[in-house]
Each structure stands twice: as C-alpha cells, then as structure tokens.
C-alpha cells in the first residue's frame, strides 16, 4: 500500500507525533526543512499537535534543540499563538525549559514570547515560580569552597559600600 507524500507526512505514531514532531524532538533541522518544504508548502504541519497537545515547536523546546526551535519559531515569524506554545496540562514551553533547567533556551523563549512569563499552568504556577523551585538556578545553591564562600558574601558588602560612596 503506497501513501501519497501528504498523507505520509500527516501520519502519527502511537504518541500522536508526526514525522515533523520526531525530527524536531531530535534536532534534525535539515529534515524539518525538507518536511516543511523549500517554499514552505507544508507549513501547516507545524501546527499539528500530538496526544499531549504539543506542536513540533514545543517538542524542539522540550528537548533542548535550540537551532531547530529557532527554525520552527521563525516559520511562525516568532509570533506563534499561545495555543501552539502550551500543552494540554497547561505547561508552556517556558515552564518546561525552566523545569528542565534549559536556562539559555528559556531566555530565548522570553525574548520572542514574553507573554509566556505570566502564563499560569494548571497548578497555578507561573514560570517564575517554577524557576524559584530550581536551586541550581541560583549561585548560592552551588557548593563553594570555604574561601569562595567568603568572597561570594563579601562581594555584596563591596557593592553596597561602592554604591553608598558613589551615590553622594
């Protein structure tokens, strides 16, 4: 049984992922470009969701595939609608990037989709609240040797003194 190219590219696996979802989640940007088409003739595939409500763009973010994320985001003109950036459980791509500690990607996401910074998931958490649960996001959570701890704490006194002296 032979499928037409359009039908084959729309086929989904047991998770509801299309070929574009799989290519995006693996970071295969060249395959994503081939699937979408040279003239973007199959751009409609970018909006298809899997069983969790995730688009290929979401899958690229979820799996820390920054170049693929940038390519797919560019297809949207970096203005993807909210429903394409949020999965069924209410988590946005920003929630997921922070939860997985992809902080460099989170910065890119906030740059293009700043409205996600105030989005509440089903638990009522904003991305900032998720960030607050990640101790590794804060320098004070890292284990420093005793002399680095002293320097770490002293720098705040230095900043305070410097600011106090130069504010006059």
Protein backbone atom coordinates (compact mmCIF):
# COMPACT_ATOMS: atom_id res chain seq x y z
CA UNK A 1 0.00 0.00 0.00
CA UNK A 2 1.55 3.29 -1.12
CA UNK A 3 0.79 6.60 0.56
CA UNK A 4 0.78 9.98 -1.04
CA UNK A 5 3.55 12.24 0.36
CA UNK A 6 0.99 14.49 2.05
CA UNK A 7 -0.72 11.55 3.78
CA UNK A 8 2.60 10.03 4.84
CA UNK A 9 3.78 13.28 6.47
CA UNK A 10 0.49 13.60 8.36
CA UNK A 11 0.64 10.04 9.74
CA UNK A 12 1.03 9.82 13.50
CA UNK A 13 2.69 7.27 15.77
CA UNK A 14 1.14 5.94 18.99
CA UNK A 15 2.03 9.21 20.81
CA UNK A 16 0.39 11.21 18.06
CA UNK A 17 3.70 12.51 16.74
CA UNK A 18 4.14 13.25 13.07
CA UNK A 19 7.48 12.96 11.25
CA UNK A 20 7.99 16.67 11.92
CA UNK A 21 7.48 16.14 15.68
CA UNK A 22 10.10 13.40 15.68
CA UNK A 23 12.60 15.39 13.60
CA UNK A 24 12.10 18.46 15.81
CA UNK A 25 12.49 16.50 19.04
CA UNK A 26 15.77 15.01 17.79
CA UNK A 27 17.10 18.33 16.48
CA UNK A 28 17.22 17.23 12.86
CA UNK A 29 16.83 20.71 11.41
CA UNK A 30 17.64 19.62 7.83
CA UNK A 31 14.89 17.01 7.94
CA UNK A 32 12.48 19.60 9.36
CA UNK A 33 13.33 21.88 6.42
CA UNK A 34 12.71 19.06 3.94
CA UNK A 35 9.40 18.13 5.59
CA UNK A 36 8.14 21.72 5.60
CA UNK A 37 9.34 22.21 2.04
CA UNK A 38 11.63 24.60 0.25
CA UNK A 39 8.76 27.01 -0.37
CA UNK A 40 7.01 26.20 2.93
CA UNK A 41 4.34 24.28 1.05
CA UNK A 42 3.73 22.01 4.06
CA UNK A 43 3.91 24.68 6.76
CA UNK A 44 0.53 23.50 8.06
CA UNK A 45 2.39 20.54 9.66
CA UNK A 46 3.95 22.94 12.18
CA UNK A 47 0.55 23.40 13.85
CA UNK A 48 -0.32 19.70 14.24
CA UNK A 49 -0.41 18.53 17.86
CA UNK A 50 0.34 15.16 19.41
CA UNK A 51 -1.73 13.44 22.14
CA UNK A 52 -0.25 15.74 24.82
CA UNK A 53 -1.15 18.82 22.80
CA UNK A 54 2.44 19.51 21.78
CA UNK A 55 3.44 21.02 18.44
CA UNK A 56 6.79 20.30 16.78
CA UNK A 57 7.96 23.70 18.10
CA UNK A 58 7.04 22.57 21.61
CA UNK A 59 8.93 19.29 21.08
CA UNK A 60 12.07 21.16 19.97
CA UNK A 61 11.94 23.30 23.12
CA UNK A 62 11.16 20.33 25.34
CA UNK A 63 14.24 18.50 24.11
CA UNK A 64 16.66 21.47 24.15
CA UNK A 65 17.09 21.61 20.39
CA UNK A 66 17.79 25.32 20.12
CA UNK A 67 18.59 25.56 16.40
CA UNK A 68 15.53 23.55 15.48
CA UNK A 69 13.45 25.65 17.87
CA UNK A 70 14.79 28.82 16.20
CA UNK A 71 13.97 27.46 12.73
CA UNK A 72 10.42 26.44 13.65
CA UNK A 73 9.83 29.66 15.58
CA UNK A 74 10.98 31.60 12.53
CA UNK A 75 8.33 29.81 10.46
CA UNK A 76 5.79 31.44 12.78
CA UNK A 77 7.55 34.78 12.39
CA UNK A 78 8.43 34.42 16.09
CA UNK A 79 4.80 35.11 16.89
CA UNK A 80 3.29 31.68 17.46
CA UNK A 81 -0.13 31.80 19.10
CA UNK A 82 -0.48 30.81 22.75
CA UNK A 83 -2.27 27.54 21.92
CA UNK A 84 0.81 26.36 19.98
CA UNK A 85 3.12 27.13 22.91
CA UNK A 86 1.10 25.39 25.64
CA UNK A 87 0.43 21.68 26.05
CA UNK A 88 -2.79 20.14 27.34
CA UNK A 89 -1.72 20.24 31.01
CA UNK A 90 -1.24 24.00 30.79
CA UNK A 91 2.56 23.98 30.83
CA UNK A 92 4.08 26.38 28.34
CA UNK A 93 7.39 25.89 26.57
CA UNK A 94 8.84 28.33 29.10
CA UNK A 95 7.61 26.25 32.06
CA UNK A 96 9.21 23.15 30.52
CA UNK A 97 12.51 24.83 29.63
CA UNK A 98 12.88 26.13 33.19
CA UNK A 99 11.81 22.86 34.77
CA UNK A 100 14.43 21.01 32.73
CA UNK A 101 16.98 23.75 33.54
CA UNK A 102 17.47 24.84 29.93
CA UNK A 103 18.04 28.40 31.08
CA UNK A 104 19.72 29.55 27.87
CA UNK A 105 16.69 28.40 25.89
CA UNK A 106 14.37 30.00 28.45
CA UNK A 107 16.00 33.36 27.76
CA UNK A 108 15.41 32.91 24.02
CA UNK A 109 11.78 31.94 24.66
CA UNK A 110 11.17 35.01 26.82
CA UNK A 111 12.76 37.20 24.15
CA UNK A 112 10.34 36.02 21.46
CA UNK A 113 7.31 35.12 23.58
CA UNK A 114 7.42 37.47 26.58
CA UNK A 115 3.71 36.93 27.26
CA UNK A 116 4.57 33.41 28.47
CA UNK A 117 6.31 34.84 31.53
CA UNK A 118 2.92 35.45 33.18
CA UNK A 119 1.16 32.32 31.90
CA UNK A 120 -0.31 30.12 34.64
CA UNK A 121 -0.29 26.35 34.22
CA UNK A 122 -3.00 24.10 35.71
CA UNK A 123 -1.20 24.12 39.08
CA UNK A 124 -1.38 27.92 39.12
CA UNK A 125 2.40 28.28 38.65
CA UNK A 126 4.00 30.98 36.56
CA UNK A 127 7.39 30.24 35.02
CA UNK A 128 8.94 32.46 37.71
CA UNK A 129 7.51 30.25 40.42
CA UNK A 130 8.91 27.19 38.63
CA UNK A 131 12.28 28.95 38.48
CA UNK A 132 12.14 29.54 42.23
CA UNK A 133 11.93 25.77 42.75
CA UNK A 134 15.22 25.25 40.89
CA UNK A 135 18.07 25.74 43.39
CA UNK A 136 20.69 25.29 40.68
CA UNK A 137 19.42 28.48 39.05
CA UNK A 138 20.85 30.48 41.91
CA UNK A 139 24.53 30.78 42.66
CA UNK A 140 24.01 30.42 46.40
CA UNK A 141 22.83 26.85 45.82
CA UNK A 142 26.18 25.80 44.43
CA UNK A 143 28.73 24.25 46.73
CA UNK A 144 31.69 26.58 47.07
CA UNK A 145 34.96 26.03 48.88
CA UNK A 146 35.30 27.99 52.15
CA UNK A 147 37.36 30.78 50.61
CA UNK A 148 34.96 31.17 47.65
CA UNK A 149 32.06 31.38 50.11
CA UNK A 150 33.81 34.27 51.86
CA UNK A 151 34.39 36.05 48.55
CA UNK A 152 30.81 35.37 47.47
CA UNK A 153 29.39 37.01 50.59
CA UNK A 154 31.93 39.85 50.63
CA UNK A 155 31.04 40.98 47.13
CA UNK A 156 27.63 42.12 48.34
CA UNK A 157 29.22 44.29 51.03
CA UNK A 158 31.59 45.70 48.43
CA UNK A 159 28.67 46.52 46.10
CA UNK A 160 26.79 48.14 48.99
CA UNK A 161 29.80 50.24 50.04
CA UNK A 162 30.63 51.20 46.47
CA UNK A 163 27.03 52.25 45.81
CA UNK A 164 26.79 54.16 49.09
CA UNK A 165 30.01 56.08 48.43
CA UNK A 166 29.22 56.94 44.82
CA UNK A 167 25.59 57.92 45.36
CA UNK A 168 26.59 61.10 47.21
